[in-house]
Amino acid sequence: MLLQADEQAIAVVNSRDATPYGFEMTRRLSYDLARAGVTIVSGLARGIDSAAHKAALEACGRTIAGLGSGLDRTYPQRSIPLADRIVQSGALLTRVPAGSECAPSALPTS
């Protein structure tokens, strides 16, 4: 269900091995957009995806993470604390059933 709070949303995705400049621009852009009421949408991978979520949370904004695993199998495991923070003010989404391990075919491509 689309919440009215998510009518304005932007996807922020990029490299897992971004440059310091890439991380800084992601942080600034995601923070400013979240402060303006835009929902940040990304994966839960390390790198730019996680940086975008963290910046939105720092801005007390809303963020949504798309998973390639079941909700009970958060991947990567190092992202579990971030996923726990995201559900406090946003959502985790997946298109695979509970119990499913992460698989490349489960990740959205468009």
PDB file of N, CA and C in Angstrom:
ATOM      1  N   MET A   1       0.835  -1.169   0.000  1.00  0.00           N
ATOM      2  CA  MET A   1       0.000   0.000   0.000  1.00  0.00           C
ATOM      3  C   MET A   1       0.886   1.240   0.000  1.00  0.00           C
ATOM      4  N   LEU A   2       0.663   2.131  -0.922  1.00  0.00           N
ATOM      5  CA  LEU A   2       1.398   3.383  -1.006  1.00  0.00           C
ATOM      6  C   LEU A   2       0.861   4.341   0.042  1.00  0.00           C
ATOM      7  N   LEU A   3       1.747   4.835   0.858  1.00  0.00           N
ATOM      8  CA  LEU A   3       1.367   5.825   1.849  1.00  0.00           C
ATOM      9  C   LEU A   3       1.488   7.208   1.236  1.00  0.00           C
ATOM     10  N   GLN A   4       0.671   8.112   1.706  1.00  0.00           N
ATOM     11  CA  GLN A   4       0.751   9.472   1.191  1.00  0.00           C
ATOM     12  C   GLN A   4       2.160  10.029   1.382  1.00  0.00           C
ATOM     13  N   ALA A   5       2.826   9.614   2.460  1.00  0.00           N
ATOM     14  CA  ALA A   5       4.186  10.084   2.722  1.00  0.00           C
ATOM     15  C   ALA A   5       5.159   9.646   1.631  1.00  0.00           C
ATOM     16  N   ASP A   6       4.805   8.638   0.847  1.00  0.00           N
ATOM     17  CA  ASP A   6       5.703   8.114  -0.185  1.00  0.00           C
ATOM     18  C   ASP A   6       5.352   8.590  -1.591  1.00  0.00           C
ATOM     19  N   GLU A   7       4.435   9.521  -1.709  1.00  0.00           N
ATOM     20  CA  GLU A   7       4.075  10.006  -3.037  1.00  0.00           C
ATOM     21  C   GLU A   7       5.251  10.672  -3.727  1.00  0.00           C
ATOM     22  N   GLN A   8       6.126  11.269  -2.947  1.00  0.00           N
ATOM     23  CA  GLN A   8       7.358  11.833  -3.490  1.00  0.00           C
ATOM     24  C   GLN A   8       8.506  10.960  -3.005  1.00  0.00           C
ATOM     25  N   ALA A   9       9.066  10.183  -3.916  1.00  0.00           N
ATOM     26  CA  ALA A   9      10.148   9.271  -3.560  1.00  0.00           C
ATOM     27  C   ALA A   9      11.188   9.278  -4.666  1.00  0.00           C
ATOM     28  N   ILE A  10      12.407   8.962  -4.294  1.00  0.00           N
ATOM     29  CA  ILE A  10      13.496   8.889  -5.267  1.00  0.00           C
ATOM     30  C   ILE A  10      14.371   7.689  -4.939  1.00  0.00           C
ATOM     31  N   ALA A  11      14.780   6.976  -5.981  1.00  0.00           N
ATOM     32  CA  ALA A  11      15.694   5.854  -5.807  1.00  0.00           C
ATOM     33  C   ALA A  11      17.123   6.371  -5.854  1.00  0.00           C
ATOM     34  N   VAL A  12      17.917   5.923  -4.899  1.00  0.00           N
ATOM     35  CA  VAL A  12      19.330   6.290  -4.833  1.00  0.00           C
ATOM     36  C   VAL A  12      20.121   4.984  -4.788  1.00  0.00           C
ATOM     37  N   VAL A  13      20.726   4.630  -5.904  1.00  0.00           N
ATOM     38  CA  VAL A  13      21.516   3.392  -5.976  1.00  0.00           C
ATOM     39  C   VAL A  13      22.774   3.654  -6.796  1.00  0.00           C
ATOM     40  N   ASN A  14      23.820   2.922  -6.476  1.00  0.00           N
ATOM     41  CA  ASN A  14      25.056   3.045  -7.228  1.00  0.00           C
ATOM     42  C   ASN A  14      26.034   2.011  -6.726  1.00  0.00           C
ATOM     43  N   SER A  15      27.280   2.341  -6.755  1.00  0.00           N
ATOM     44  CA  SER A  15      28.380   1.422  -6.507  1.00  0.00           C
ATOM     45  C   SER A  15      28.471   0.946  -5.058  1.00  0.00           C
ATOM     46  N   ARG A  16      28.893  -0.289  -4.904  1.00  0.00           N
ATOM     47  CA  ARG A  16      29.216  -0.800  -3.572  1.00  0.00           C
ATOM     48  C   ARG A  16      30.581  -0.281  -3.134  1.00  0.00           C
ATOM     49  N   ASP A  17      31.413   0.075  -4.091  1.00  0.00           N
ATOM     50  CA  ASP A  17      32.762   0.583  -3.811  1.00  0.00           C
ATOM     51  C   ASP A  17      32.903   2.004  -4.341  1.00  0.00           C
ATOM     52  N   ALA A  18      32.133   2.900  -3.794  1.00  0.00           N
ATOM     53  CA  ALA A  18      32.107   4.285  -4.272  1.00  0.00           C
ATOM     54  C   ALA A  18      33.335   5.056  -3.795  1.00  0.00           C
ATOM     55  N   THR A  19      33.575   6.157  -4.449  1.00  0.00           N
ATOM     56  CA  THR A  19      34.652   7.058  -4.051  1.00  0.00           C
ATOM     57  C   THR A  19      34.201   7.887  -2.852  1.00  0.00           C
ATOM     58  N   PRO A  20      35.136   8.501  -2.148  1.00  0.00           N
ATOM     59  CA  PRO A  20      34.737   9.405  -1.056  1.00  0.00           C
ATOM     60  C   PRO A  20      33.803  10.518  -1.549  1.00  0.00           C
ATOM     61  N   TYR A  21      34.047  11.024  -2.751  1.00  0.00           N
ATOM     62  CA  TYR A  21      33.173  12.047  -3.324  1.00  0.00           C
ATOM     63  C   TYR A  21      31.760  11.484  -3.525  1.00  0.00           C
ATOM     64  N   GLY A  22      31.663  10.265  -4.030  1.00  0.00           N
ATOM     65  CA  GLY A  22      30.362   9.629  -4.235  1.00  0.00           C
ATOM     66  C   GLY A  22      29.594   9.473  -2.931  1.00  0.00           C
ATOM     67  N   PHE A  23      30.309   9.062  -1.878  1.00  0.00           N
ATOM     68  CA  PHE A  23      29.659   8.922  -0.571  1.00  0.00           C
ATOM     69  C   PHE A  23      29.182  10.277  -0.046  1.00  0.00           C
ATOM     70  N   GLU A  24      30.006  11.298  -0.180  1.00  0.00           N
ATOM     71  CA  GLU A  24      29.642  12.620   0.322  1.00  0.00           C
ATOM     72  C   GLU A  24      28.448  13.189  -0.437  1.00  0.00           C
ATOM     73  N   MET A  25      28.436  13.042  -1.737  1.00  0.00           N
ATOM     74  CA  MET A  25      27.305  13.550  -2.524  1.00  0.00           C
ATOM     75  C   MET A  25      26.026  12.772  -2.208  1.00  0.00           C
ATOM     76  N   THR A  26      26.156  11.467  -2.009  1.00  0.00           N
ATOM     77  CA  THR A  26      24.998  10.656  -1.621  1.00  0.00           C
ATOM     78  C   THR A  26      24.462  11.121  -0.281  1.00  0.00           C
ATOM     79  N   ARG A  27      25.362  11.342   0.670  1.00  0.00           N
ATOM     80  CA  ARG A  27      24.947  11.787   1.995  1.00  0.00           C
ATOM     81  C   ARG A  27      24.221  13.124   1.908  1.00  0.00           C
ATOM     82  N   ARG A  28      24.800  14.065   1.211  1.00  0.00           N
ATOM     83  CA  ARG A  28      24.186  15.400   1.111  1.00  0.00           C
ATOM     84  C   ARG A  28      22.835  15.356   0.404  1.00  0.00           C
ATOM     85  N   LEU A  29      22.807  14.705  -0.739  1.00  0.00           N
ATOM     86  CA  LEU A  29      21.577  14.643  -1.528  1.00  0.00           C
ATOM     87  C   LEU A  29      20.466  13.922  -0.767  1.00  0.00           C
ATOM     88  N   SER A  30      20.780  12.757  -0.212  1.00  0.00           N
ATOM     89  CA  SER A  30      19.768  11.975   0.501  1.00  0.00           C
ATOM     90  C   SER A  30      19.287  12.696   1.751  1.00  0.00           C
ATOM     91  N   TYR A  31      20.194  13.310   2.475  1.00  0.00           N
ATOM     92  CA  TYR A  31      19.824  14.063   3.675  1.00  0.00           C
ATOM     93  C   TYR A  31      18.889  15.216   3.316  1.00  0.00           C
ATOM     94  N   ASP A  32      19.298  16.021   2.336  1.00  0.00           N
ATOM     95  CA  ASP A  32      18.490  17.186   1.958  1.00  0.00           C
ATOM     96  C   ASP A  32      17.115  16.782   1.423  1.00  0.00           C
ATOM     97  N   LEU A  33      17.076  15.742   0.598  1.00  0.00           N
ATOM     98  CA  LEU A  33      15.788  15.281   0.073  1.00  0.00           C
ATOM     99  C   LEU A  33      14.890  14.757   1.187  1.00  0.00           C
ATOM    100  N   ALA A  34      15.462  13.983   2.098  1.00  0.00           N
ATOM    101  CA  ALA A  34      14.672  13.447   3.207  1.00  0.00           C
ATOM    102  C   ALA A  34      14.138  14.567   4.090  1.00  0.00           C
ATOM    103  N   ARG A  35      14.955  15.584   4.334  1.00  0.00           N
ATOM    104  CA  ARG A  35      14.500  16.735   5.133  1.00  0.00           C
ATOM    105  C   ARG A  35      13.354  17.467   4.446  1.00  0.00           C
ATOM    106  N   ALA A  36      13.336  17.400   3.116  1.00  0.00           N
ATOM    107  CA  ALA A  36      12.279  18.063   2.338  1.00  0.00           C
ATOM    108  C   ALA A  36      11.035  17.185   2.188  1.00  0.00           C
ATOM    109  N   GLY A  37      11.051  16.014   2.810  1.00  0.00           N
ATOM    110  CA  GLY A  37       9.879  15.155   2.783  1.00  0.00           C
ATOM    111  C   GLY A  37       9.855  14.107   1.683  1.00  0.00           C
ATOM    112  N   VAL A  38      10.963  13.941   0.967  1.00  0.00           N
ATOM    113  CA  VAL A  38      11.054  12.936  -0.089  1.00  0.00           C
ATOM    114  C   VAL A  38      11.501  11.613   0.531  1.00  0.00           C
ATOM    115  N   THR A  39      10.823  10.531   0.190  1.00  0.00           N
ATOM    116  CA  THR A  39      11.205   9.201   0.664  1.00  0.00           C
ATOM    117  C   THR A  39      12.389   8.697  -0.155  1.00  0.00           C
ATOM    118  N   ILE A  40      13.399   8.175   0.525  1.00  0.00           N
ATOM    119  CA  ILE A  40      14.580   7.615  -0.124  1.00  0.00           C
ATOM    120  C   ILE A  40      14.365   6.113  -0.277  1.00  0.00           C
ATOM    121  N   VAL A  41      14.567   5.606  -1.488  1.00  0.00           N
ATOM    122  CA  VAL A  41      14.377   4.183  -1.784  1.00  0.00           C
ATOM    123  C   VAL A  41      15.691   3.633  -2.327  1.00  0.00           C
ATOM    124  N   SER A  42      16.136   2.506  -1.781  1.00  0.00           N
ATOM    125  CA  SER A  42      17.375   1.889  -2.245  1.00  0.00           C
ATOM    126  C   SER A  42      17.396   0.432  -1.819  1.00  0.00           C
ATOM    127  N   GLY A  43      18.473  -0.241  -2.183  1.00  0.00           N
ATOM    128  CA  GLY A  43      18.691  -1.608  -1.723  1.00  0.00           C
ATOM    129  C   GLY A  43      19.274  -1.560  -0.327  1.00  0.00           C
ATOM    130  N   LEU A  44      19.794  -2.668   0.113  1.00  0.00           N
ATOM    131  CA  LEU A  44      20.398  -2.717   1.445  1.00  0.00           C
ATOM    132  C   LEU A  44      21.876  -3.093   1.349  1.00  0.00           C
ATOM    133  N   ALA A  45      22.436  -2.983   0.150  1.00  0.00           N
ATOM    134  CA  ALA A  45      23.839  -3.338  -0.061  1.00  0.00           C
ATOM    135  C   ALA A  45      24.750  -2.321   0.612  1.00  0.00           C
ATOM    136  N   ARG A  46      25.987  -2.729   0.821  1.00  0.00           N
ATOM    137  CA  ARG A  46      26.983  -1.793   1.338  1.00  0.00           C
ATOM    138  C   ARG A  46      27.246  -0.745   0.260  1.00  0.00           C
ATOM    139  N   GLY A  47      27.858   0.333   0.645  1.00  0.00           N
ATOM    140  CA  GLY A  47      28.181   1.375  -0.320  1.00  0.00           C
ATOM    141  C   GLY A  47      27.115   2.446  -0.379  1.00  0.00           C
ATOM    142  N   ILE A  48      26.809   2.876  -1.583  1.00  0.00           N
ATOM    143  CA  ILE A  48      25.882   3.987  -1.795  1.00  0.00           C
ATOM    144  C   ILE A  48      24.498   3.685  -1.238  1.00  0.00           C
ATOM    145  N   ASP A  49      24.015   2.449  -1.417  1.00  0.00           N
ATOM    146  CA  ASP A  49      22.679   2.103  -0.906  1.00  0.00           C
ATOM    147  C   ASP A  49      22.580   2.386   0.589  1.00  0.00           C
ATOM    148  N   SER A  50      23.507   1.835   1.357  1.00  0.00           N
ATOM    149  CA  SER A  50      23.484   2.025   2.810  1.00  0.00           C
ATOM    150  C   SER A  50      23.701   3.480   3.189  1.00  0.00           C
ATOM    151  N   ALA A  51      24.578   4.176   2.470  1.00  0.00           N
ATOM    152  CA  ALA A  51      24.834   5.586   2.763  1.00  0.00           C
ATOM    153  C   ALA A  51      23.563   6.423   2.580  1.00  0.00           C
ATOM    154  N   ALA A  52      22.789   6.121   1.541  1.00  0.00           N
ATOM    155  CA  ALA A  52      21.550   6.856   1.298  1.00  0.00           C
ATOM    156  C   ALA A  52      20.558   6.652   2.446  1.00  0.00           C
ATOM    157  N   HIS A  53      20.406   5.402   2.898  1.00  0.00           N
ATOM    158  CA  HIS A  53      19.496   5.122   4.015  1.00  0.00           C
ATOM    159  C   HIS A  53      19.952   5.829   5.290  1.00  0.00           C
ATOM    160  N   LYS A  54      21.240   5.738   5.582  1.00  0.00           N
ATOM    161  CA  LYS A  54      21.763   6.356   6.807  1.00  0.00           C
ATOM    162  C   LYS A  54      21.539   7.865   6.808  1.00  0.00           C
ATOM    163  N   ALA A  55      21.763   8.507   5.670  1.00  0.00           N
ATOM    164  CA  ALA A  55      21.555   9.953   5.592  1.00  0.00           C
ATOM    165  C   ALA A  55      20.079  10.308   5.786  1.00  0.00           C
ATOM    166  N   ALA A  56      19.179   9.535   5.193  1.00  0.00           N
ATOM    167  CA  ALA A  56      17.750   9.786   5.369  1.00  0.00           C
ATOM    168  C   ALA A  56      17.353   9.632   6.833  1.00  0.00           C
ATOM    169  N   LEU A  57      17.889   8.637   7.488  1.00  0.00           N
ATOM    170  CA  LEU A  57      17.587   8.432   8.903  1.00  0.00           C
ATOM    171  C   LEU A  57      18.147   9.573   9.753  1.00  0.00           C
ATOM    172  N   GLU A  58      19.352  10.033   9.432  1.00  0.00           N
ATOM    173  CA  GLU A  58      19.938  11.168  10.152  1.00  0.00           C
ATOM    174  C   GLU A  58      19.068  12.412  10.004  1.00  0.00           C
ATOM    175  N   ALA A  59      18.412  12.535   8.870  1.00  0.00           N
ATOM    176  CA  ALA A  59      17.540  13.685   8.608  1.00  0.00           C
ATOM    177  C   ALA A  59      16.144  13.486   9.193  1.00  0.00           C
ATOM    178  N   CYS A  60      15.934  12.382   9.902  1.00  0.00           N
ATOM    179  CA  CYS A  60      14.615  12.035  10.449  1.00  0.00           C
ATOM    180  C   CYS A  60      13.595  11.880   9.331  1.00  0.00           C
ATOM    181  N   GLY A  61      14.051  11.386   8.189  1.00  0.00           N
ATOM    182  CA  GLY A  61      13.184  11.182   7.040  1.00  0.00           C
ATOM    183  C   GLY A  61      12.760   9.737   6.904  1.00  0.00           C
ATOM    184  N   ARG A  62      12.012   9.485   5.859  1.00  0.00           N
ATOM    185  CA  ARG A  62      11.487   8.151   5.573  1.00  0.00           C
ATOM    186  C   ARG A  62      12.360   7.491   4.516  1.00  0.00           C
ATOM    187  N   THR A  63      12.626   6.201   4.705  1.00  0.00           N
ATOM    188  CA  THR A  63      13.447   5.458   3.765  1.00  0.00           C
ATOM    189  C   THR A  63      12.905   4.043   3.615  1.00  0.00           C
ATOM    190  N   ILE A  64      13.019   3.506   2.412  1.00  0.00           N
ATOM    191  CA  ILE A  64      12.508   2.171   2.100  1.00  0.00           C
ATOM    192  C   ILE A  64      13.637   1.365   1.463  1.00  0.00           C
ATOM    193  N   ALA A  65      13.847   0.141   1.964  1.00  0.00           N
ATOM    194  CA  ALA A  65      14.901  -0.729   1.432  1.00  0.00           C
ATOM    195  C   ALA A  65      14.287  -1.936   0.744  1.00  0.00           C
ATOM    196  N   GLY A  66      14.714  -2.186  -0.483  1.00  0.00           N
ATOM    197  CA  GLY A  66      14.300  -3.373  -1.215  1.00  0.00           C
ATOM    198  C   GLY A  66      15.303  -4.493  -0.991  1.00  0.00           C
ATOM    199  N   LEU A  67      14.804  -5.656  -0.630  1.00  0.00           N
ATOM    200  CA  LEU A  67      15.671  -6.805  -0.330  1.00  0.00           C
ATOM    201  C   LEU A  67      15.592  -7.855  -1.433  1.00  0.00           C
ATOM    202  N   GLY A  68      16.651  -8.596  -1.581  1.00  0.00           N
ATOM    203  CA  GLY A  68      16.668  -9.730  -2.504  1.00  0.00           C
ATOM    204  C   GLY A  68      16.518 -11.036  -1.759  1.00  0.00           C
ATOM    205  N   SER A  69      16.065 -10.961  -0.510  1.00  0.00           N
ATOM    206  CA  SER A  69      15.878 -12.136   0.342  1.00  0.00           C
ATOM    207  C   SER A  69      14.540 -12.019   1.043  1.00  0.00           C
ATOM    208  N   GLY A  70      14.174 -13.064   1.771  1.00  0.00           N
ATOM    209  CA  GLY A  70      12.980 -12.985   2.603  1.00  0.00           C
ATOM    210  C   GLY A  70      13.211 -11.999   3.733  1.00  0.00           C
ATOM    211  N   LEU A  71      12.135 -11.453   4.273  1.00  0.00           N
ATOM    212  CA  LEU A  71      12.274 -10.473   5.345  1.00  0.00           C
ATOM    213  C   LEU A  71      12.968 -11.040   6.575  1.00  0.00           C
ATOM    214  N   ASP A  72      12.915 -12.351   6.726  1.00  0.00           N
ATOM    215  CA  ASP A  72      13.547 -12.996   7.869  1.00  0.00           C
ATOM    216  C   ASP A  72      14.997 -13.405   7.589  1.00  0.00           C
ATOM    217  N   ARG A  73      15.519 -13.061   6.432  1.00  0.00           N
ATOM    218  CA  ARG A  73      16.877 -13.438   6.029  1.00  0.00           C
ATOM    219  C   ARG A  73      17.634 -12.214   5.507  1.00  0.00           C
ATOM    220  N   THR A  74      17.635 -11.136   6.253  1.00  0.00           N
ATOM    221  CA  THR A  74      18.258  -9.896   5.807  1.00  0.00           C
ATOM    222  C   THR A  74      19.679 -10.149   5.322  1.00  0.00           C
ATOM    223  N   TYR A  75      19.941  -9.647   4.108  1.00  0.00           N
ATOM    224  CA  TYR A  75      21.260  -9.817   3.503  1.00  0.00           C
ATOM    225  C   TYR A  75      21.715  -8.483   2.940  1.00  0.00           C
ATOM    226  N   PRO A  76      22.959  -8.114   3.163  1.00  0.00           N
ATOM    227  CA  PRO A  76      23.976  -8.835   3.917  1.00  0.00           C
ATOM    228  C   PRO A  76      23.722  -8.725   5.419  1.00  0.00           C
ATOM    229  N   GLN A  77      24.215  -9.705   6.164  1.00  0.00           N
ATOM    230  CA  GLN A  77      23.960  -9.742   7.602  1.00  0.00           C
ATOM    231  C   GLN A  77      24.481  -8.497   8.312  1.00  0.00           C
ATOM    232  N   ARG A  78      25.553  -7.928   7.796  1.00  0.00           N
ATOM    233  CA  ARG A  78      26.099  -6.722   8.441  1.00  0.00           C
ATOM    234  C   ARG A  78      25.105  -5.556   8.362  1.00  0.00           C
ATOM    235  N   SER A  79      24.094  -5.674   7.516  1.00  0.00           N
ATOM    236  CA  SER A  79      23.095  -4.610   7.369  1.00  0.00           C
ATOM    237  C   SER A  79      21.899  -4.789   8.285  1.00  0.00           C
ATOM    238  N   ILE A  80      21.891  -5.821   9.109  1.00  0.00           N
ATOM    239  CA  ILE A  80      20.754  -6.050  10.011  1.00  0.00           C
ATOM    240  C   ILE A  80      20.509  -4.849  10.935  1.00  0.00           C
ATOM    241  N   PRO A  81      21.542  -4.256  11.568  1.00  0.00           N
ATOM    242  CA  PRO A  81      21.257  -3.072  12.406  1.00  0.00           C
ATOM    243  C   PRO A  81      20.642  -1.915  11.610  1.00  0.00           C
ATOM    244  N   LEU A  82      21.101  -1.719  10.385  1.00  0.00           N
ATOM    245  CA  LEU A  82      20.518  -0.666   9.546  1.00  0.00           C
ATOM    246  C   LEU A  82      19.076  -1.007   9.197  1.00  0.00           C
ATOM    247  N   ALA A  83      18.809  -2.253   8.855  1.00  0.00           N
ATOM    248  CA  ALA A  83      17.436  -2.678   8.545  1.00  0.00           C
ATOM    249  C   ALA A  83      16.517  -2.450   9.748  1.00  0.00           C
ATOM    250  N   ASP A  84      17.014  -2.734  10.939  1.00  0.00           N
ATOM    251  CA  ASP A  84      16.221  -2.511  12.149  1.00  0.00           C
ATOM    252  C   ASP A  84      15.891  -1.027  12.323  1.00  0.00           C
ATOM    253  N   ARG A  85      16.821  -0.155  11.990  1.00  0.00           N
ATOM    254  CA  ARG A  85      16.568   1.292  12.079  1.00  0.00           C
ATOM    255  C   ARG A  85      15.581   1.734  11.004  1.00  0.00           C
ATOM    256  N   ILE A  86      15.702   1.172   9.816  1.00  0.00           N
ATOM    257  CA  ILE A  86      14.820   1.563   8.709  1.00  0.00           C
ATOM    258  C   ILE A  86      13.365   1.271   9.037  1.00  0.00           C
ATOM    259  N   VAL A  87      13.072   0.117   9.641  1.00  0.00           N
ATOM    260  CA  VAL A  87      11.671  -0.230   9.903  1.00  0.00           C
ATOM    261  C   VAL A  87      11.023   0.682  10.942  1.00  0.00           C
ATOM    262  N   GLN A  88      11.820   1.440  11.675  1.00  0.00           N
ATOM    263  CA  GLN A  88      11.261   2.366  12.653  1.00  0.00           C
ATOM    264  C   GLN A  88      10.599   3.575  11.984  1.00  0.00           C
ATOM    265  N   SER A  89      11.081   3.934  10.794  1.00  0.00           N
ATOM    266  CA  SER A  89      10.520   5.114  10.130  1.00  0.00           C
ATOM    267  C   SER A  89      10.310   4.907   8.636  1.00  0.00           C
ATOM    268  N   GLY A  90      10.319   3.671   8.209  1.00  0.00           N
ATOM    269  CA  GLY A  90      10.168   3.371   6.787  1.00  0.00           C
ATOM    270  C   GLY A  90       9.682   1.958   6.603  1.00  0.00           C
ATOM    271  N   ALA A  91      10.318   1.252   5.662  1.00  0.00           N
ATOM    272  CA  ALA A  91       9.860  -0.105   5.383  1.00  0.00           C
ATOM    273  C   ALA A  91      10.948  -0.915   4.700  1.00  0.00           C
ATOM    274  N   LEU A  92      10.840  -2.234   4.861  1.00  0.00           N
ATOM    275  CA  LEU A  92      11.627  -3.190   4.095  1.00  0.00           C
ATOM    276  C   LEU A  92      10.662  -3.879   3.151  1.00  0.00           C
ATOM    277  N   LEU A  93      11.047  -4.010   1.890  1.00  0.00           N
ATOM    278  CA  LEU A  93      10.205  -4.648   0.884  1.00  0.00           C
ATOM    279  C   LEU A  93      10.959  -5.796   0.235  1.00  0.00           C
ATOM    280  N   THR A  94      10.223  -6.826  -0.147  1.00  0.00           N
ATOM    281  CA  THR A  94      10.809  -7.929  -0.893  1.00  0.00           C
ATOM    282  C   THR A  94       9.732  -8.548  -1.758  1.00  0.00           C
ATOM    283  N   ARG A  95      10.165  -9.229  -2.795  1.00  0.00           N
ATOM    284  CA  ARG A  95       9.194  -9.931  -3.639  1.00  0.00           C
ATOM    285  C   ARG A  95       9.377 -11.436  -3.559  1.00  0.00           C
ATOM    286  N   VAL A  96      10.131 -11.884  -2.563  1.00  0.00           N
ATOM    287  CA  VAL A  96      10.337 -13.318  -2.364  1.00  0.00           C
ATOM    288  C   VAL A  96       9.774 -13.726  -1.004  1.00  0.00           C
ATOM    289  N   PRO A  97       9.404 -14.999  -0.849  1.00  0.00           N
ATOM    290  CA  PRO A  97       8.782 -15.437   0.406  1.00  0.00           C
ATOM    291  C   PRO A  97       9.764 -15.531   1.568  1.00  0.00           C
ATOM    292  N   ALA A  98       9.203 -15.519   2.772  1.00  0.00           N
ATOM    293  CA  ALA A  98      10.005 -15.710   3.975  1.00  0.00           C
ATOM    294  C   ALA A  98      10.805 -16.998   3.847  1.00  0.00           C
ATOM    295  N   GLY A  99      11.997 -16.968   4.393  1.00  0.00           N
ATOM    296  CA  GLY A  99      12.870 -18.130   4.349  1.00  0.00           C
ATOM    297  C   GLY A  99      13.785 -18.163   3.139  1.00  0.00           C
ATOM    298  N   SER A 100      13.549 -17.283   2.171  1.00  0.00           N
ATOM    299  CA  SER A 100      14.366 -17.269   0.955  1.00  0.00           C
ATOM    300  C   SER A 100      15.694 -16.565   1.212  1.00  0.00           C
ATOM    301  N   GLU A 101      16.775 -17.226   0.811  1.00  0.00           N
ATOM    302  CA  GLU A 101      18.096 -16.610   0.871  1.00  0.00           C
ATOM    303  C   GLU A 101      18.206 -15.604  -0.267  1.00  0.00           C
ATOM    304  N   CYS A 102      19.157 -14.697  -0.182  1.00  0.00           N
ATOM    305  CA  CYS A 102      19.365 -13.706  -1.215  1.00  0.00           C
ATOM    306  C   CYS A 102      19.841 -14.395  -2.503  1.00  0.00           C
ATOM    307  N   ALA A 103      19.221 -14.018  -3.592  1.00  0.00           N
ATOM    308  CA  ALA A 103      19.606 -14.541  -4.896  1.00  0.00           C
ATOM    309  C   ALA A 103      19.589 -13.380  -5.891  1.00  0.00           C
ATOM    310  N   PRO A 104      20.590 -13.311  -6.778  1.00  0.00           N
ATOM    311  CA  PRO A 104      20.619 -12.226  -7.757  1.00  0.00           C
ATOM    312  C   PRO A 104      19.313 -12.104  -8.539  1.00  0.00           C
ATOM    313  N   SER A 105      18.656 -13.209  -8.806  1.00  0.00           N
ATOM    314  CA  SER A 105      17.411 -13.159  -9.586  1.00  0.00           C
ATOM    315  C   SER A 105      16.282 -12.486  -8.803  1.00  0.00           C
ATOM    316  N   ALA A 106      16.418 -12.368  -7.489  1.00  0.00           N
ATOM    317  CA  ALA A 106      15.372 -11.737  -6.673  1.00  0.00           C
ATOM    318  C   ALA A 106      15.538 -10.229  -6.584  1.00  0.00           C
ATOM    319  N   LEU A 107      16.667  -9.724  -7.063  1.00  0.00           N
ATOM    320  CA  LEU A 107      16.918  -8.291  -6.979  1.00  0.00           C
ATOM    321  C   LEU A 107      16.270  -7.592  -8.159  1.00  0.00           C
ATOM    322  N   PRO A 108      15.601  -6.477  -7.904  1.00  0.00           N
ATOM    323  CA  PRO A 108      14.985  -5.735  -9.004  1.00  0.00           C
ATOM    324  C   PRO A 108      16.043  -5.251  -9.989  1.00  0.00           C
ATOM    325  N   THR A 109      15.704  -5.265 -11.262  1.00  0.00           N
ATOM    326  CA  THR A 109      16.646  -4.784 -12.274  1.00  0.00           C
ATOM    327  C   THR A 109      16.136  -3.530 -12.958  1.00  0.00           C
ATOM    328  N   SER A 110      14.932  -3.152 -12.684  1.00  0.00           N
ATOM    329  CA  SER A 110      14.421  -1.896 -13.269  1.00  0.00           C
ATOM    330  C   SER A 110      13.349  -1.316 -12.383  1.00  0.00           C
TER     331      SER A 110
END
